[in-house]
Amino acid sequence: MKHILAFLLMLWLPMGAMAQNNPLRDSLKAATERLSFHPDSIDLRLKKAGWNMQLEEWQNAKIEYDIVLRHEPNNIAALYYRAYCNDRLGRYNFARLDYQNVLTLVPGNFEARLGLALLNEKDQHYTEALDGINQLVTAHPDSAVAWAARAGIESERGMNELAEYDYGKALQHDPNNKDYLLSRADLRIKLRNYTDAQQDLDKLVQLGTPRAALKEWYDKIRKNRK
């Protein structure tokens, strides 16, 4: 399920995905104006890059991070977020290098290890992706995100039983996560475990998801039970 991989990586971005465009545009405009008076300010460039990212202006954000890193080659925040921009721009080798540089500076960094594993999966470096996510789960067994990331990778490869188990582990640590519940429900339908799949869907409804939004999954259960 590609949506869960994208969702997991987005978790580590300091941005409000539900924010309105106009306030974001206003903030970006203000940051740009201030930067014109203080072009050497690293803090202002990082702030502007952050607004660019919230507006999904990946190239503009990358340009700001490039400038920051020319002045401060070991700026961890700039390296990490440029890696994400490079990922979104399809520059996978550059993104991989940025994540690796973060890990050189901060060995074992959770966010960089997660980003690198998800990038490797996207870039079809399957062995490296699975090795990386296995190591992350071992190092952080209490992290719902780590378990869910591995489940997403396993699901992408059709390893449905393993993915269902890992989503279950993720939900032990984050029981009301709607993305994990829906992903597990989908897997359970594929595994013909319709009773448990419906339980996941019913919990989503209890958590506030409109039942109509889940019609596709409820219909699959109903049709396959006949």
N, C-alpha and C. Protein backbone atom coordinates (compact mmCIF):
# COMPACT_ATOMS: atom_id res chain seq x y z
N MET A 1 0.83 -1.20 0.00
CA MET A 1 0.00 0.00 0.00
C MET A 1 0.87 1.26 0.00
N LYS A 2 0.96 1.89 -1.15
CA LYS A 2 1.85 3.03 -1.25
C LYS A 2 1.42 4.18 -0.37
N HIS A 3 0.10 4.32 -0.11
CA HIS A 3 -0.36 5.46 0.69
C HIS A 3 0.20 5.42 2.10
N ILE A 4 0.36 4.23 2.67
CA ILE A 4 0.86 4.17 4.04
C ILE A 4 2.34 4.52 4.08
N LEU A 5 3.09 4.19 3.03
CA LEU A 5 4.50 4.54 3.00
C LEU A 5 4.67 6.05 2.94
N ALA A 6 3.87 6.68 2.10
CA ALA A 6 3.94 8.14 2.02
C ALA A 6 3.51 8.78 3.32
N PHE A 7 2.45 8.26 3.92
CA PHE A 7 1.95 8.80 5.19
C PHE A 7 3.01 8.72 6.28
N LEU A 8 3.70 7.60 6.35
CA LEU A 8 4.69 7.41 7.41
C LEU A 8 5.84 8.39 7.27
N LEU A 9 6.28 8.61 6.06
CA LEU A 9 7.36 9.57 5.89
C LEU A 9 6.90 10.98 6.22
N MET A 10 5.68 11.32 5.88
CA MET A 10 5.16 12.65 6.18
C MET A 10 5.04 12.91 7.67
N LEU A 11 4.95 11.85 8.46
CA LEU A 11 4.85 12.03 9.91
C LEU A 11 6.01 12.84 10.47
N TRP A 12 7.14 12.77 9.82
CA TRP A 12 8.35 13.38 10.38
C TRP A 12 8.58 14.79 9.88
N LEU A 13 7.64 15.33 9.12
CA LEU A 13 7.79 16.69 8.65
C LEU A 13 7.10 17.66 9.59
N PRO A 14 7.75 18.78 9.94
CA PRO A 14 7.16 19.73 10.88
C PRO A 14 6.18 20.65 10.20
N MET A 15 5.10 20.07 9.69
CA MET A 15 4.17 20.90 8.93
C MET A 15 2.75 20.45 9.19
N GLY A 16 1.83 21.40 9.12
CA GLY A 16 0.43 21.08 9.31
C GLY A 16 -0.22 20.82 7.98
N ALA A 17 -0.44 19.56 7.67
CA ALA A 17 -0.97 19.21 6.37
C ALA A 17 -2.37 19.74 6.17
N MET A 18 -3.09 20.00 7.27
CA MET A 18 -4.46 20.47 7.15
C MET A 18 -4.56 21.99 7.18
N ALA A 19 -3.42 22.67 7.20
CA ALA A 19 -3.45 24.13 7.27
C ALA A 19 -4.03 24.71 5.99
N GLN A 20 -4.62 25.89 6.10
CA GLN A 20 -5.21 26.54 4.94
C GLN A 20 -4.13 27.17 4.08
N ASN A 21 -4.37 27.23 2.76
CA ASN A 21 -3.37 27.75 1.85
C ASN A 21 -3.09 29.24 2.06
N ASN A 22 -4.12 30.05 2.32
CA ASN A 22 -3.89 31.48 2.42
C ASN A 22 -2.95 31.85 3.56
N PRO A 23 -3.13 31.34 4.78
CA PRO A 23 -2.17 31.63 5.84
C PRO A 23 -0.77 31.14 5.50
N LEU A 24 -0.66 30.01 4.84
CA LEU A 24 0.65 29.51 4.44
C LEU A 24 1.29 30.45 3.43
N ARG A 25 0.52 30.89 2.47
CA ARG A 25 1.05 31.81 1.47
C ARG A 25 1.49 33.12 2.12
N ASP A 26 0.70 33.59 3.08
CA ASP A 26 1.05 34.82 3.79
C ASP A 26 2.35 34.64 4.56
N SER A 27 2.50 33.50 5.21
CA SER A 27 3.71 33.24 5.99
C SER A 27 4.93 33.15 5.07
N LEU A 28 4.75 32.48 3.92
CA LEU A 28 5.85 32.38 2.97
C LEU A 28 6.23 33.75 2.43
N LYS A 29 5.23 34.56 2.13
CA LYS A 29 5.52 35.91 1.63
C LYS A 29 6.28 36.73 2.65
N ALA A 30 5.86 36.63 3.91
CA ALA A 30 6.54 37.38 4.97
C ALA A 30 7.98 36.90 5.13
N ALA A 31 8.18 35.58 5.09
CA ALA A 31 9.54 35.03 5.23
C ALA A 31 10.41 35.47 4.06
N THR A 32 9.84 35.49 2.86
CA THR A 32 10.60 35.89 1.68
C THR A 32 11.00 37.35 1.77
N GLU A 33 10.09 38.19 2.24
CA GLU A 33 10.39 39.62 2.38
C GLU A 33 11.47 39.86 3.41
N ARG A 34 11.39 39.19 4.54
CA ARG A 34 12.42 39.34 5.58
C ARG A 34 13.76 38.83 5.08
N LEU A 35 13.74 37.75 4.31
CA LEU A 35 14.98 37.18 3.80
C LEU A 35 15.67 38.13 2.81
N SER A 36 14.88 38.92 2.11
CA SER A 36 15.47 39.87 1.16
C SER A 36 16.31 40.92 1.87
N PHE A 37 15.99 41.19 3.13
CA PHE A 37 16.76 42.14 3.93
C PHE A 37 17.89 41.47 4.71
N HIS A 38 17.77 40.15 4.90
CA HIS A 38 18.78 39.41 5.67
C HIS A 38 19.14 38.13 4.93
N PRO A 39 19.76 38.27 3.76
CA PRO A 39 20.02 37.09 2.92
C PRO A 39 20.99 36.08 3.53
N ASP A 40 21.74 36.47 4.53
CA ASP A 40 22.69 35.55 5.15
C ASP A 40 22.11 34.83 6.37
N SER A 41 20.84 35.04 6.66
CA SER A 41 20.24 34.44 7.84
C SER A 41 19.87 32.98 7.57
N ILE A 42 20.55 32.09 8.26
CA ILE A 42 20.26 30.66 8.12
C ILE A 42 18.87 30.34 8.67
N ASP A 43 18.53 30.95 9.81
CA ASP A 43 17.23 30.70 10.42
C ASP A 43 16.09 31.08 9.48
N LEU A 44 16.21 32.23 8.84
CA LEU A 44 15.16 32.67 7.92
C LEU A 44 15.06 31.74 6.72
N ARG A 45 16.19 31.28 6.22
CA ARG A 45 16.15 30.35 5.07
C ARG A 45 15.48 29.03 5.46
N LEU A 46 15.79 28.55 6.66
CA LEU A 46 15.15 27.32 7.11
C LEU A 46 13.64 27.51 7.28
N LYS A 47 13.23 28.67 7.79
CA LYS A 47 11.81 28.94 7.94
C LYS A 47 11.12 29.02 6.59
N LYS A 48 11.75 29.73 5.65
CA LYS A 48 11.16 29.84 4.31
C LYS A 48 11.07 28.46 3.66
N ALA A 49 12.11 27.66 3.80
CA ALA A 49 12.09 26.31 3.22
C ALA A 49 10.95 25.49 3.82
N GLY A 50 10.72 25.68 5.13
CA GLY A 50 9.62 24.97 5.78
C GLY A 50 8.27 25.35 5.20
N TRP A 51 8.08 26.64 4.94
CA TRP A 51 6.81 27.06 4.31
C TRP A 51 6.72 26.51 2.90
N ASN A 52 7.82 26.54 2.16
CA ASN A 52 7.81 25.95 0.81
C ASN A 52 7.38 24.48 0.87
N MET A 53 7.88 23.76 1.85
CA MET A 53 7.53 22.34 1.95
C MET A 53 6.06 22.15 2.28
N GLN A 54 5.54 22.99 3.16
CA GLN A 54 4.13 22.87 3.50
C GLN A 54 3.25 23.10 2.28
N LEU A 55 3.74 23.93 1.37
CA LEU A 55 3.00 24.21 0.14
C LEU A 55 3.39 23.25 -0.99
N GLU A 56 4.19 22.24 -0.64
CA GLU A 56 4.66 21.23 -1.59
C GLU A 56 5.43 21.85 -2.74
N GLU A 57 6.14 22.91 -2.45
CA GLU A 57 7.04 23.54 -3.43
C GLU A 57 8.43 22.94 -3.21
N TRP A 58 8.58 21.70 -3.65
CA TRP A 58 9.78 20.94 -3.30
C TRP A 58 11.05 21.54 -3.88
N GLN A 59 11.00 22.01 -5.12
CA GLN A 59 12.19 22.57 -5.74
C GLN A 59 12.62 23.85 -5.03
N ASN A 60 11.66 24.71 -4.70
CA ASN A 60 12.00 25.95 -4.00
C ASN A 60 12.58 25.66 -2.62
N ALA A 61 12.01 24.67 -1.93
CA ALA A 61 12.55 24.30 -0.62
C ALA A 61 13.96 23.76 -0.77
N LYS A 62 14.17 22.91 -1.77
CA LYS A 62 15.50 22.33 -1.98
C LYS A 62 16.53 23.42 -2.22
N ILE A 63 16.16 24.42 -3.00
CA ILE A 63 17.10 25.53 -3.27
C ILE A 63 17.53 26.20 -1.97
N GLU A 64 16.58 26.41 -1.06
CA GLU A 64 16.91 27.03 0.22
C GLU A 64 17.84 26.13 1.04
N TYR A 65 17.55 24.83 1.04
CA TYR A 65 18.41 23.91 1.79
C TYR A 65 19.80 23.83 1.16
N ASP A 66 19.87 23.93 -0.16
CA ASP A 66 21.18 23.96 -0.82
C ASP A 66 22.01 25.13 -0.32
N ILE A 67 21.37 26.29 -0.21
CA ILE A 67 22.08 27.49 0.24
C ILE A 67 22.54 27.32 1.69
N VAL A 68 21.65 26.81 2.53
CA VAL A 68 22.01 26.59 3.93
C VAL A 68 23.21 25.66 4.03
N LEU A 69 23.19 24.59 3.25
CA LEU A 69 24.25 23.58 3.34
C LEU A 69 25.56 24.05 2.73
N ARG A 70 25.51 25.03 1.84
CA ARG A 70 26.76 25.61 1.36
C ARG A 70 27.48 26.37 2.47
N HIS A 71 26.67 26.96 3.36
CA HIS A 71 27.24 27.69 4.49
C HIS A 71 27.51 26.78 5.69
N GLU A 72 26.63 25.81 5.89
CA GLU A 72 26.74 24.90 7.03
C GLU A 72 26.57 23.46 6.54
N PRO A 73 27.64 22.85 6.03
CA PRO A 73 27.53 21.51 5.42
C PRO A 73 27.00 20.43 6.36
N ASN A 74 27.11 20.65 7.66
CA ASN A 74 26.67 19.64 8.62
C ASN A 74 25.36 20.02 9.31
N ASN A 75 24.60 20.90 8.69
CA ASN A 75 23.31 21.27 9.27
C ASN A 75 22.34 20.09 9.13
N ILE A 76 22.06 19.43 10.24
CA ILE A 76 21.29 18.18 10.20
C ILE A 76 19.88 18.39 9.68
N ALA A 77 19.22 19.46 10.13
CA ALA A 77 17.85 19.72 9.68
C ALA A 77 17.80 19.92 8.17
N ALA A 78 18.74 20.70 7.65
CA ALA A 78 18.76 20.96 6.21
C ALA A 78 19.03 19.68 5.42
N LEU A 79 19.94 18.86 5.91
CA LEU A 79 20.22 17.59 5.23
C LEU A 79 18.99 16.68 5.23
N TYR A 80 18.34 16.60 6.38
CA TYR A 80 17.19 15.68 6.49
C TYR A 80 16.04 16.12 5.59
N TYR A 81 15.72 17.41 5.64
CA TYR A 81 14.57 17.86 4.86
C TYR A 81 14.89 17.99 3.37
N ARG A 82 16.18 18.24 3.05
CA ARG A 82 16.53 18.20 1.63
C ARG A 82 16.39 16.79 1.09
N ALA A 83 16.71 15.80 1.93
CA ALA A 83 16.53 14.41 1.51
C ALA A 83 15.08 14.17 1.12
N TYR A 84 14.15 14.69 1.93
CA TYR A 84 12.73 14.49 1.61
C TYR A 84 12.36 15.22 0.32
N CYS A 85 12.87 16.44 0.15
CA CYS A 85 12.60 17.17 -1.09
C CYS A 85 13.14 16.40 -2.30
N ASN A 86 14.36 15.90 -2.18
CA ASN A 86 14.93 15.14 -3.28
C ASN A 86 14.10 13.89 -3.58
N ASP A 87 13.60 13.27 -2.54
CA ASP A 87 12.72 12.11 -2.71
C ASP A 87 11.50 12.51 -3.54
N ARG A 88 10.84 13.60 -3.14
CA ARG A 88 9.63 14.02 -3.84
C ARG A 88 9.92 14.47 -5.27
N LEU A 89 11.14 14.91 -5.51
CA LEU A 89 11.53 15.34 -6.86
C LEU A 89 12.03 14.17 -7.71
N GLY A 90 12.04 12.97 -7.13
CA GLY A 90 12.51 11.80 -7.86
C GLY A 90 14.01 11.70 -7.95
N ARG A 91 14.72 12.47 -7.14
CA ARG A 91 16.19 12.44 -7.13
C ARG A 91 16.64 11.47 -6.03
N TYR A 92 16.41 10.19 -6.26
CA TYR A 92 16.56 9.21 -5.20
C TYR A 92 18.01 9.06 -4.73
N ASN A 93 18.96 9.10 -5.66
CA ASN A 93 20.35 8.95 -5.25
C ASN A 93 20.80 10.11 -4.36
N PHE A 94 20.34 11.31 -4.70
CA PHE A 94 20.68 12.47 -3.88
C PHE A 94 20.01 12.38 -2.52
N ALA A 95 18.76 11.93 -2.51
CA ALA A 95 18.05 11.77 -1.24
C ALA A 95 18.76 10.74 -0.36
N ARG A 96 19.18 9.64 -0.97
CA ARG A 96 19.88 8.58 -0.21
C ARG A 96 21.17 9.13 0.40
N LEU A 97 21.89 9.92 -0.38
CA LEU A 97 23.14 10.49 0.12
C LEU A 97 22.89 11.43 1.30
N ASP A 98 21.83 12.22 1.22
CA ASP A 98 21.50 13.12 2.33
C ASP A 98 21.15 12.35 3.59
N TYR A 99 20.33 11.31 3.45
CA TYR A 99 20.00 10.49 4.63
C TYR A 99 21.26 9.84 5.21
N GLN A 100 22.13 9.35 4.35
CA GLN A 100 23.35 8.72 4.82
C GLN A 100 24.25 9.73 5.53
N ASN A 101 24.27 10.96 5.04
CA ASN A 101 25.06 12.00 5.70
C ASN A 101 24.49 12.35 7.07
N VAL A 102 23.17 12.35 7.19
CA VAL A 102 22.56 12.56 8.51
C VAL A 102 23.00 11.46 9.46
N LEU A 103 22.98 10.23 8.98
CA LEU A 103 23.33 9.10 9.84
C LEU A 103 24.82 9.08 10.18
N THR A 104 25.63 9.68 9.33
CA THR A 104 27.05 9.83 9.68
C THR A 104 27.20 10.81 10.83
N LEU A 105 26.41 11.87 10.80
CA LEU A 105 26.48 12.89 11.84
C LEU A 105 25.75 12.46 13.11
N VAL A 106 24.65 11.74 12.95
CA VAL A 106 23.84 11.30 14.10
C VAL A 106 23.56 9.81 13.92
N PRO A 107 24.52 8.95 14.24
CA PRO A 107 24.31 7.51 14.03
C PRO A 107 23.07 7.00 14.76
N GLY A 108 22.30 6.20 14.05
CA GLY A 108 21.11 5.62 14.65
C GLY A 108 19.89 6.51 14.65
N ASN A 109 19.96 7.70 14.06
CA ASN A 109 18.82 8.60 14.05
C ASN A 109 17.58 7.93 13.47
N PHE A 110 16.50 7.90 14.25
CA PHE A 110 15.30 7.16 13.86
C PHE A 110 14.72 7.69 12.56
N GLU A 111 14.53 9.00 12.47
CA GLU A 111 13.87 9.58 11.31
C GLU A 111 14.65 9.33 10.03
N ALA A 112 15.97 9.47 10.09
CA ALA A 112 16.78 9.25 8.89
C ALA A 112 16.77 7.78 8.49
N ARG A 113 16.82 6.88 9.48
CA ARG A 113 16.78 5.45 9.16
C ARG A 113 15.43 5.07 8.55
N LEU A 114 14.36 5.63 9.08
CA LEU A 114 13.03 5.38 8.52
C LEU A 114 12.94 5.92 7.10
N GLY A 115 13.38 7.17 6.92
CA GLY A 115 13.32 7.77 5.60
C GLY A 115 14.13 6.99 4.58
N LEU A 116 15.30 6.49 5.00
CA LEU A 116 16.15 5.74 4.08
C LEU A 116 15.51 4.40 3.71
N ALA A 117 14.91 3.73 4.68
CA ALA A 117 14.25 2.45 4.39
C ALA A 117 13.09 2.65 3.41
N LEU A 118 12.28 3.66 3.64
CA LEU A 118 11.13 3.91 2.75
C LEU A 118 11.60 4.35 1.37
N LEU A 119 12.67 5.13 1.32
CA LEU A 119 13.23 5.52 0.04
C LEU A 119 13.74 4.31 -0.73
N ASN A 120 14.43 3.42 -0.04
CA ASN A 120 14.95 2.23 -0.71
C ASN A 120 13.81 1.37 -1.26
N GLU A 121 12.71 1.28 -0.54
CA GLU A 121 11.56 0.53 -1.04
C GLU A 121 11.01 1.19 -2.30
N LYS A 122 10.88 2.50 -2.27
CA LYS A 122 10.34 3.22 -3.42
C LYS A 122 11.27 3.08 -4.63
N ASP A 123 12.57 3.08 -4.37
CA ASP A 123 13.56 3.02 -5.44
C ASP A 123 13.92 1.59 -5.82
N GLN A 124 13.14 0.62 -5.32
CA GLN A 124 13.28 -0.79 -5.65
C GLN A 124 14.61 -1.38 -5.19
N HIS A 125 15.15 -0.82 -4.12
CA HIS A 125 16.31 -1.44 -3.45
C HIS A 125 15.73 -2.29 -2.32
N TYR A 126 15.12 -3.39 -2.72
CA TYR A 126 14.27 -4.13 -1.80
C TYR A 126 15.03 -4.77 -0.64
N THR A 127 16.18 -5.33 -0.90
CA THR A 127 16.95 -5.96 0.17
C THR A 127 17.36 -4.93 1.21
N GLU A 128 17.88 -3.79 0.73
CA GLU A 128 18.30 -2.73 1.66
C GLU A 128 17.11 -2.19 2.45
N ALA A 129 15.96 -2.06 1.79
CA ALA A 129 14.77 -1.54 2.47
C ALA A 129 14.35 -2.47 3.60
N LEU A 130 14.28 -3.76 3.31
CA LEU A 130 13.83 -4.70 4.34
C LEU A 130 14.85 -4.84 5.46
N ASP A 131 16.13 -4.87 5.09
CA ASP A 131 17.17 -4.93 6.12
C ASP A 131 17.09 -3.71 7.04
N GLY A 132 16.92 -2.54 6.43
CA GLY A 132 16.87 -1.31 7.21
C GLY A 132 15.67 -1.26 8.13
N ILE A 133 14.50 -1.66 7.64
CA ILE A 133 13.30 -1.57 8.48
C ILE A 133 13.31 -2.65 9.55
N ASN A 134 13.89 -3.81 9.25
CA ASN A 134 14.02 -4.85 10.28
C ASN A 134 14.91 -4.36 11.43
N GLN A 135 16.00 -3.71 11.09
CA GLN A 135 16.89 -3.18 12.11
C GLN A 135 16.20 -2.10 12.93
N LEU A 136 15.37 -1.30 12.27
CA LEU A 136 14.68 -0.23 12.98
C LEU A 136 13.66 -0.80 13.96
N VAL A 137 12.92 -1.82 13.55
CA VAL A 137 11.96 -2.46 14.45
C VAL A 137 12.67 -3.09 15.64
N THR A 138 13.80 -3.73 15.39
CA THR A 138 14.57 -4.35 16.47
C THR A 138 15.06 -3.30 17.46
N ALA A 139 15.51 -2.16 16.93
CA ALA A 139 16.03 -1.10 17.80
C ALA A 139 14.93 -0.33 18.51
N HIS A 140 13.73 -0.29 17.92
CA HIS A 140 12.62 0.50 18.49
C HIS A 140 11.35 -0.34 18.53
N PRO A 141 11.34 -1.38 19.35
CA PRO A 141 10.17 -2.28 19.37
C PRO A 141 8.91 -1.64 19.92
N ASP A 142 9.01 -0.49 20.57
CA ASP A 142 7.83 0.20 21.09
C ASP A 142 7.31 1.27 20.15
N SER A 143 7.88 1.36 18.97
CA SER A 143 7.48 2.40 18.02
C SER A 143 6.40 1.89 17.08
N ALA A 144 5.21 2.47 17.17
CA ALA A 144 4.13 2.10 16.25
C ALA A 144 4.53 2.41 14.81
N VAL A 145 5.22 3.51 14.62
CA VAL A 145 5.61 3.91 13.27
C VAL A 145 6.54 2.89 12.64
N ALA A 146 7.49 2.36 13.40
CA ALA A 146 8.42 1.37 12.87
C ALA A 146 7.69 0.11 12.43
N TRP A 147 6.78 -0.38 13.28
CA TRP A 147 6.01 -1.58 12.93
C TRP A 147 5.16 -1.32 11.70
N ALA A 148 4.50 -0.16 11.65
CA ALA A 148 3.63 0.15 10.51
C ALA A 148 4.43 0.31 9.23
N ALA A 149 5.62 0.88 9.35
CA ALA A 149 6.46 1.03 8.16
C ALA A 149 6.83 -0.33 7.60
N ARG A 150 7.19 -1.26 8.49
CA ARG A 150 7.53 -2.59 8.00
C ARG A 150 6.29 -3.26 7.40
N ALA A 151 5.15 -3.07 8.03
CA ALA A 151 3.92 -3.63 7.48
C ALA A 151 3.65 -3.09 6.08
N GLY A 152 3.87 -1.79 5.89
CA GLY A 152 3.65 -1.20 4.57
C GLY A 152 4.56 -1.79 3.52
N ILE A 153 5.81 -1.99 3.88
CA ILE A 153 6.76 -2.59 2.95
C ILE A 153 6.36 -4.03 2.63
N GLU A 154 5.99 -4.78 3.67
CA GLU A 154 5.57 -6.17 3.46
C GLU A 154 4.32 -6.24 2.59
N SER A 155 3.38 -5.33 2.83
CA SER A 155 2.16 -5.31 2.04
C SER A 155 2.46 -5.02 0.57
N GLU A 156 3.38 -4.10 0.31
CA GLU A 156 3.77 -3.80 -1.06
C GLU A 156 4.26 -5.04 -1.79
N ARG A 157 4.85 -5.97 -1.06
CA ARG A 157 5.45 -7.16 -1.68
C ARG A 157 4.52 -8.37 -1.61
N GLY A 158 3.30 -8.17 -1.15
CA GLY A 158 2.35 -9.28 -1.09
C GLY A 158 2.56 -10.21 0.08
N MET A 159 3.32 -9.77 1.08
CA MET A 159 3.56 -10.58 2.27
C MET A 159 2.46 -10.25 3.28
N ASN A 160 1.23 -10.66 2.94
CA ASN A 160 0.06 -10.15 3.63
C ASN A 160 -0.05 -10.63 5.08
N GLU A 161 0.29 -11.87 5.34
CA GLU A 161 0.21 -12.38 6.71
C GLU A 161 1.17 -11.63 7.63
N LEU A 162 2.39 -11.42 7.15
CA LEU A 162 3.37 -10.68 7.96
C LEU A 162 2.93 -9.23 8.16
N ALA A 163 2.38 -8.65 7.10
CA ALA A 163 1.94 -7.26 7.19
C ALA A 163 0.79 -7.11 8.18
N GLU A 164 -0.15 -8.06 8.16
CA GLU A 164 -1.27 -8.00 9.11
C GLU A 164 -0.74 -8.07 10.54
N TYR A 165 0.20 -8.96 10.78
CA TYR A 165 0.78 -9.09 12.13
C TYR A 165 1.45 -7.79 12.56
N ASP A 166 2.20 -7.18 11.65
CA ASP A 166 2.93 -5.96 12.02
C ASP A 166 1.99 -4.78 12.25
N TYR A 167 0.91 -4.70 11.47
CA TYR A 167 -0.07 -3.66 11.76
C TYR A 167 -0.71 -3.89 13.13
N GLY A 168 -0.89 -5.16 13.48
CA GLY A 168 -1.40 -5.45 14.82
C GLY A 168 -0.47 -4.96 15.90
N LYS A 169 0.84 -5.14 15.68
CA LYS A 169 1.83 -4.64 16.66
C LYS A 169 1.81 -3.11 16.71
N ALA A 170 1.68 -2.49 15.55
CA ALA A 170 1.60 -1.03 15.52
C ALA A 170 0.38 -0.54 16.29
N LEU A 171 -0.73 -1.24 16.13
CA LEU A 171 -1.97 -0.83 16.79
C LEU A 171 -1.93 -1.10 18.29
N GLN A 172 -1.08 -1.99 18.74
CA GLN A 172 -0.91 -2.16 20.18
C GLN A 172 -0.34 -0.89 20.80
N HIS A 173 0.48 -0.19 20.06
CA HIS A 173 1.12 1.03 20.56
C HIS A 173 0.36 2.30 20.17
N ASP A 174 -0.49 2.20 19.16
CA ASP A 174 -1.28 3.36 18.71
C ASP A 174 -2.65 2.85 18.28
N PRO A 175 -3.48 2.46 19.26
CA PRO A 175 -4.70 1.69 18.96
C PRO A 175 -5.77 2.43 18.16
N ASN A 176 -5.72 3.74 18.14
CA ASN A 176 -6.77 4.49 17.43
C ASN A 176 -6.28 5.09 16.12
N ASN A 177 -5.18 4.59 15.61
CA ASN A 177 -4.65 5.14 14.36
C ASN A 177 -5.50 4.65 13.19
N LYS A 178 -6.17 5.56 12.54
CA LYS A 178 -7.11 5.19 11.48
C LYS A 178 -6.42 4.62 10.26
N ASP A 179 -5.24 5.14 9.93
CA ASP A 179 -4.52 4.62 8.77
C ASP A 179 -4.13 3.16 8.98
N TYR A 180 -3.66 2.85 10.18
CA TYR A 180 -3.27 1.47 10.46
C TYR A 180 -4.49 0.54 10.45
N LEU A 181 -5.59 1.01 11.02
CA LEU A 181 -6.79 0.18 11.06
C LEU A 181 -7.31 -0.12 9.66
N LEU A 182 -7.35 0.90 8.82
CA LEU A 182 -7.86 0.68 7.47
C LEU A 182 -6.93 -0.23 6.68
N SER A 183 -5.63 -0.03 6.85
CA SER A 183 -4.67 -0.88 6.14
C SER A 183 -4.80 -2.33 6.59
N ARG A 184 -4.98 -2.55 7.90
CA ARG A 184 -5.14 -3.92 8.38
C ARG A 184 -6.46 -4.51 7.90
N ALA A 185 -7.51 -3.71 7.90
CA ALA A 185 -8.80 -4.20 7.41
C ALA A 185 -8.67 -4.66 5.95
N ASP A 186 -8.00 -3.87 5.15
CA ASP A 186 -7.81 -4.22 3.74
C ASP A 186 -7.05 -5.54 3.61
N LEU A 187 -6.00 -5.69 4.42
CA LEU A 187 -5.23 -6.93 4.39
C LEU A 187 -6.09 -8.12 4.83
N ARG A 188 -6.89 -7.91 5.86
CA ARG A 188 -7.71 -9.00 6.37
C ARG A 188 -8.74 -9.44 5.35
N ILE A 189 -9.23 -8.51 4.56
CA ILE A 189 -10.15 -8.88 3.48
C ILE A 189 -9.42 -9.74 2.45
N LYS A 190 -8.21 -9.34 2.10
CA LYS A 190 -7.42 -10.13 1.16
C LYS A 190 -7.14 -11.53 1.70
N LEU A 191 -6.98 -11.62 3.03
CA LEU A 191 -6.72 -12.90 3.67
C LEU A 191 -8.00 -13.67 3.99
N ARG A 192 -9.14 -13.11 3.58
CA ARG A 192 -10.46 -13.71 3.79
C ARG A 192 -10.81 -13.84 5.28
N ASN A 193 -10.25 -12.95 6.07
CA ASN A 193 -10.57 -12.90 7.50
C ASN A 193 -11.61 -11.80 7.69
N TYR A 194 -12.83 -12.08 7.23
CA TYR A 194 -13.84 -11.05 7.11
C TYR A 194 -14.36 -10.56 8.46
N THR A 195 -14.45 -11.46 9.43
CA THR A 195 -14.97 -11.05 10.74
C THR A 195 -14.05 -10.02 11.38
N ASP A 196 -12.74 -10.30 11.38
CA ASP A 196 -11.79 -9.36 11.98
C ASP A 196 -11.69 -8.08 11.15
N ALA A 197 -11.81 -8.21 9.82
CA ALA A 197 -11.78 -7.02 8.98
C ALA A 197 -12.94 -6.10 9.32
N GLN A 198 -14.11 -6.67 9.52
CA GLN A 198 -15.27 -5.85 9.87
C GLN A 198 -15.09 -5.19 11.23
N GLN A 199 -14.45 -5.88 12.14
CA GLN A 199 -14.18 -5.28 13.45
C GLN A 199 -13.32 -4.03 13.30
N ASP A 200 -12.31 -4.10 12.42
CA ASP A 200 -11.48 -2.92 12.18
C ASP A 200 -12.30 -1.78 11.58
N LEU A 201 -13.16 -2.12 10.61
CA LEU A 201 -13.99 -1.09 9.99
C LEU A 201 -14.97 -0.50 10.99
N ASP A 202 -15.56 -1.35 11.82
CA ASP A 202 -16.51 -0.86 12.82
C ASP A 202 -15.82 0.08 13.81
N LYS A 203 -14.57 -0.24 14.14
CA LYS A 203 -13.84 0.64 15.06
C LYS A 203 -13.57 1.99 14.40
N LEU A 204 -13.28 1.96 13.11
CA LEU A 204 -13.09 3.23 12.39
C LEU A 204 -14.34 4.09 12.46
N VAL A 205 -15.49 3.45 12.32
CA VAL A 205 -16.77 4.19 12.43
C VAL A 205 -16.91 4.76 13.83
N GLN A 206 -16.58 3.96 14.85
CA GLN A 206 -16.65 4.43 16.24
C GLN A 206 -15.73 5.63 16.47
N LEU A 207 -14.61 5.65 15.74
CA LEU A 207 -13.64 6.74 15.89
C LEU A 207 -14.02 7.97 15.08
N GLY A 208 -15.12 7.89 14.35
CA GLY A 208 -15.60 9.08 13.65
C GLY A 208 -15.55 9.04 12.14
N THR A 209 -15.04 7.96 11.57
CA THR A 209 -15.01 7.86 10.11
C THR A 209 -16.42 7.57 9.60
N PRO A 210 -16.94 8.36 8.66
CA PRO A 210 -18.29 8.07 8.15
C PRO A 210 -18.35 6.68 7.53
N ARG A 211 -19.40 5.96 7.84
CA ARG A 211 -19.55 4.61 7.30
C ARG A 211 -19.57 4.63 5.78
N ALA A 212 -20.14 5.69 5.21
CA ALA A 212 -20.20 5.79 3.75
C ALA A 212 -18.80 5.84 3.14
N ALA A 213 -17.85 6.40 3.87
CA ALA A 213 -16.48 6.48 3.36
C ALA A 213 -15.82 5.10 3.31
N LEU A 214 -16.37 4.17 4.04
CA LEU A 214 -15.81 2.81 4.10
C LEU A 214 -16.64 1.82 3.29
N LYS A 215 -17.54 2.33 2.47
CA LYS A 215 -18.47 1.47 1.72
C LYS A 215 -17.74 0.43 0.87
N GLU A 216 -16.65 0.84 0.24
CA GLU A 216 -15.90 -0.08 -0.62
C GLU A 216 -15.48 -1.33 0.14
N TRP A 217 -15.01 -1.14 1.36
CA TRP A 217 -14.52 -2.27 2.15
C TRP A 217 -15.68 -3.09 2.73
N TYR A 218 -16.70 -2.42 3.20
CA TYR A 218 -17.87 -3.15 3.69
C TYR A 218 -18.50 -3.98 2.57
N ASP A 219 -18.54 -3.41 1.35
CA ASP A 219 -19.12 -4.14 0.22
C ASP A 219 -18.29 -5.38 -0.11
N LYS A 220 -16.98 -5.27 -0.02
CA LYS A 220 -16.13 -6.44 -0.29
C LYS A 220 -16.43 -7.56 0.70
N ILE A 221 -16.59 -7.18 1.96
CA ILE A 221 -16.89 -8.19 2.98
C ILE A 221 -18.25 -8.84 2.70
N ARG A 222 -19.23 -7.99 2.42
CA ARG A 222 -20.60 -8.49 2.18
C ARG A 222 -20.63 -9.45 0.99
N LYS A 223 -19.98 -9.06 -0.11
CA LYS A 223 -20.01 -9.87 -1.33
C LYS A 223 -19.27 -11.19 -1.15
N ASN A 224 -18.15 -11.15 -0.42
CA ASN A 224 -17.36 -12.37 -0.28
C ASN A 224 -17.91 -13.33 0.75
N ARG A 225 -18.78 -12.83 1.62
CA ARG A 225 -19.40 -13.71 2.62
C ARG A 225 -20.55 -14.52 2.04
N LYS A 226 -21.03 -14.12 0.89
CA LYS A 226 -22.19 -14.79 0.28
C LYS A 226 -21.78 -16.19 -0.22
